[in-house]
């Protein structure tokens, strides 16, 4: 089974970790920030309404760091 991404692609992980240029790092951070502020907000709202158990799992992973 192929792996899928959560928030970051494998390339973005490398870029943010500093394995590529500063420009690429900045771009990867910008893309991730946009996903958090736009797409993740929509996903959370949808899960809250239609699948609260899955939202609870997400919160457990994200918030229990």
N, C-alpha and C. Protein backbone atom coordinates (compact mmCIF):
# COMPACT_ATOMS: atom_id res chain seq x y z
N UNK A 1 0.84 -1.18 0.00
CA UNK A 1 0.00 0.00 0.00
C UNK A 1 0.89 1.25 0.00
N UNK A 2 0.60 2.16 -0.87
CA UNK A 2 1.40 3.38 -0.98
C UNK A 2 1.13 4.29 0.22
N UNK A 3 2.17 4.96 0.65
CA UNK A 3 2.02 5.91 1.75
C UNK A 3 1.44 7.21 1.22
N UNK A 4 0.63 7.83 2.03
CA UNK A 4 0.09 9.14 1.68
C UNK A 4 0.65 10.16 2.65
N UNK A 5 0.46 11.41 2.33
CA UNK A 5 0.98 12.44 3.21
C UNK A 5 -0.10 12.89 4.18
N UNK A 6 0.33 13.47 5.24
CA UNK A 6 -0.60 14.11 6.17
C UNK A 6 -0.59 15.59 5.85
N UNK A 7 0.26 16.32 6.48
CA UNK A 7 0.35 17.76 6.25
C UNK A 7 1.44 18.09 5.24
N UNK A 8 2.55 17.39 5.32
CA UNK A 8 3.71 17.69 4.48
C UNK A 8 4.03 16.53 3.54
N UNK A 9 4.51 16.87 2.36
CA UNK A 9 5.05 15.85 1.47
C UNK A 9 6.45 15.49 1.96
N UNK A 10 6.98 14.41 1.44
CA UNK A 10 8.34 14.02 1.82
C UNK A 10 9.34 15.11 1.42
N UNK A 11 9.15 15.69 0.25
CA UNK A 11 10.03 16.76 -0.21
C UNK A 11 9.94 17.97 0.71
N UNK A 12 8.73 18.33 1.11
CA UNK A 12 8.57 19.48 2.02
C UNK A 12 9.22 19.20 3.36
N UNK A 13 9.15 17.98 3.83
CA UNK A 13 9.83 17.62 5.08
C UNK A 13 11.34 17.87 4.94
N UNK A 14 11.89 17.46 3.81
CA UNK A 14 13.32 17.67 3.57
C UNK A 14 13.65 19.17 3.48
N UNK A 15 12.80 19.91 2.80
CA UNK A 15 13.04 21.35 2.65
C UNK A 15 12.98 22.06 4.00
N UNK A 16 11.99 21.76 4.80
CA UNK A 16 11.85 22.40 6.09
C UNK A 16 12.98 21.99 7.04
N UNK A 17 13.46 20.76 6.89
CA UNK A 17 14.57 20.29 7.72
C UNK A 17 15.90 20.91 7.31
N UNK A 18 15.88 21.72 6.24
CA UNK A 18 17.09 22.41 5.83
C UNK A 18 17.96 21.63 4.89
N UNK A 19 17.41 20.59 4.27
CA UNK A 19 18.20 19.77 3.36
C UNK A 19 18.27 20.38 1.96
N UNK A 20 17.60 21.50 1.76
CA UNK A 20 17.64 22.20 0.48
C UNK A 20 17.84 23.69 0.75
N UNK A 21 17.72 24.51 -0.26
CA UNK A 21 17.99 25.94 -0.13
C UNK A 21 17.00 26.63 0.80
N UNK A 22 17.41 27.80 1.29
CA UNK A 22 16.54 28.60 2.15
C UNK A 22 15.26 29.01 1.43
N UNK A 23 15.38 29.26 0.12
CA UNK A 23 14.19 29.64 -0.66
C UNK A 23 13.19 28.50 -0.67
N UNK A 24 13.66 27.29 -0.88
CA UNK A 24 12.78 26.12 -0.89
C UNK A 24 12.15 25.90 0.50
N UNK A 25 12.94 26.13 1.53
CA UNK A 25 12.43 26.00 2.90
C UNK A 25 11.30 27.00 3.13
N UNK A 26 11.51 28.24 2.74
CA UNK A 26 10.49 29.29 2.89
C UNK A 26 9.22 28.92 2.15
N UNK A 27 9.36 28.42 0.93
CA UNK A 27 8.20 28.04 0.12
C UNK A 27 7.44 26.88 0.77
N UNK A 28 8.16 25.90 1.30
CA UNK A 28 7.51 24.75 1.94
C UNK A 28 6.76 25.18 3.19
N UNK A 29 7.35 26.07 3.96
CA UNK A 29 6.69 26.58 5.17
C UNK A 29 5.43 27.34 4.77
N UNK A 30 5.51 28.12 3.74
CA UNK A 30 4.36 28.88 3.26
C UNK A 30 3.22 27.95 2.84
N UNK A 31 3.55 26.89 2.11
CA UNK A 31 2.51 25.93 1.69
C UNK A 31 1.89 25.25 2.89
N UNK A 32 2.69 24.85 3.84
CA UNK A 32 2.18 24.18 5.03
C UNK A 32 1.29 25.12 5.84
N UNK A 33 1.72 26.35 5.97
CA UNK A 33 0.93 27.34 6.72
C UNK A 33 -0.44 27.54 6.07
N UNK A 34 -0.45 27.61 4.75
CA UNK A 34 -1.71 27.78 4.03
C UNK A 34 -2.62 26.57 4.26
N UNK A 35 -2.06 25.38 4.25
CA UNK A 35 -2.87 24.18 4.52
C UNK A 35 -3.46 24.19 5.92
N UNK A 36 -2.66 24.59 6.89
CA UNK A 36 -3.14 24.65 8.28
C UNK A 36 -4.26 25.67 8.41
N UNK A 37 -4.04 26.85 7.86
CA UNK A 37 -5.01 27.94 8.06
C UNK A 37 -6.24 27.83 7.18
N UNK A 38 -6.16 27.15 6.06
CA UNK A 38 -7.29 27.08 5.15
C UNK A 38 -7.89 25.67 5.11
N UNK A 39 -7.13 24.72 4.67
CA UNK A 39 -7.68 23.38 4.44
C UNK A 39 -7.95 22.62 5.73
N UNK A 40 -7.05 22.67 6.67
CA UNK A 40 -7.23 21.93 7.91
C UNK A 40 -8.44 22.46 8.68
N UNK A 41 -8.67 23.76 8.63
CA UNK A 41 -9.83 24.35 9.28
C UNK A 41 -11.12 23.76 8.72
N UNK A 42 -11.18 23.62 7.40
CA UNK A 42 -12.36 23.03 6.75
C UNK A 42 -12.52 21.57 7.15
N UNK A 43 -11.42 20.84 7.19
CA UNK A 43 -11.48 19.42 7.55
C UNK A 43 -11.97 19.23 8.98
N UNK A 44 -11.49 20.05 9.89
CA UNK A 44 -11.90 19.95 11.29
C UNK A 44 -13.40 20.23 11.42
N UNK A 45 -13.88 21.25 10.73
CA UNK A 45 -15.31 21.57 10.78
C UNK A 45 -16.15 20.41 10.24
N UNK A 46 -15.70 19.80 9.16
CA UNK A 46 -16.42 18.67 8.58
C UNK A 46 -16.44 17.49 9.54
N UNK A 47 -15.28 17.18 10.11
CA UNK A 47 -15.21 16.06 11.06
C UNK A 47 -16.04 16.32 12.30
N UNK A 48 -16.04 17.55 12.75
CA UNK A 48 -16.83 17.90 13.94
C UNK A 48 -18.31 17.60 13.71
N UNK A 49 -18.79 17.89 12.52
CA UNK A 49 -20.19 17.67 12.21
C UNK A 49 -20.51 16.22 11.86
N UNK A 50 -19.64 15.58 11.08
CA UNK A 50 -19.98 14.28 10.51
C UNK A 50 -19.26 13.08 11.10
N UNK A 51 -18.15 13.30 11.79
CA UNK A 51 -17.42 12.16 12.36
C UNK A 51 -16.61 12.61 13.58
N UNK A 52 -17.30 12.93 14.67
CA UNK A 52 -16.60 13.43 15.86
C UNK A 52 -15.59 12.45 16.45
N UNK A 53 -15.79 11.15 16.27
CA UNK A 53 -14.80 10.18 16.79
C UNK A 53 -13.46 10.33 16.08
N UNK A 54 -13.51 10.53 14.77
CA UNK A 54 -12.28 10.72 14.01
C UNK A 54 -11.61 12.05 14.39
N UNK A 55 -12.41 13.06 14.63
CA UNK A 55 -11.86 14.34 15.09
C UNK A 55 -11.18 14.17 16.44
N UNK A 56 -11.74 13.38 17.31
CA UNK A 56 -11.12 13.11 18.61
C UNK A 56 -9.77 12.41 18.43
N UNK A 57 -9.69 11.48 17.48
CA UNK A 57 -8.41 10.82 17.20
C UNK A 57 -7.38 11.83 16.70
N UNK A 58 -7.81 12.71 15.82
CA UNK A 58 -6.91 13.75 15.29
C UNK A 58 -6.40 14.62 16.42
N UNK A 59 -7.30 15.07 17.28
CA UNK A 59 -6.91 15.93 18.40
C UNK A 59 -5.95 15.21 19.33
N UNK A 60 -6.16 13.93 19.55
CA UNK A 60 -5.28 13.16 20.41
C UNK A 60 -3.85 13.14 19.85
N UNK A 61 -3.74 12.93 18.56
CA UNK A 61 -2.42 12.90 17.92
C UNK A 61 -1.77 14.28 17.94
N UNK A 62 -2.54 15.31 17.60
CA UNK A 62 -1.98 16.65 17.47
C UNK A 62 -1.73 17.31 18.82
N UNK A 63 -2.62 17.11 19.74
CA UNK A 63 -2.56 17.85 21.00
C UNK A 63 -1.79 17.15 22.11
N UNK A 64 -1.56 15.87 22.00
CA UNK A 64 -0.84 15.15 23.04
C UNK A 64 0.65 15.07 22.75
N UNK A 65 1.22 16.17 22.27
CA UNK A 65 2.64 16.20 21.96
C UNK A 65 3.39 16.61 23.14
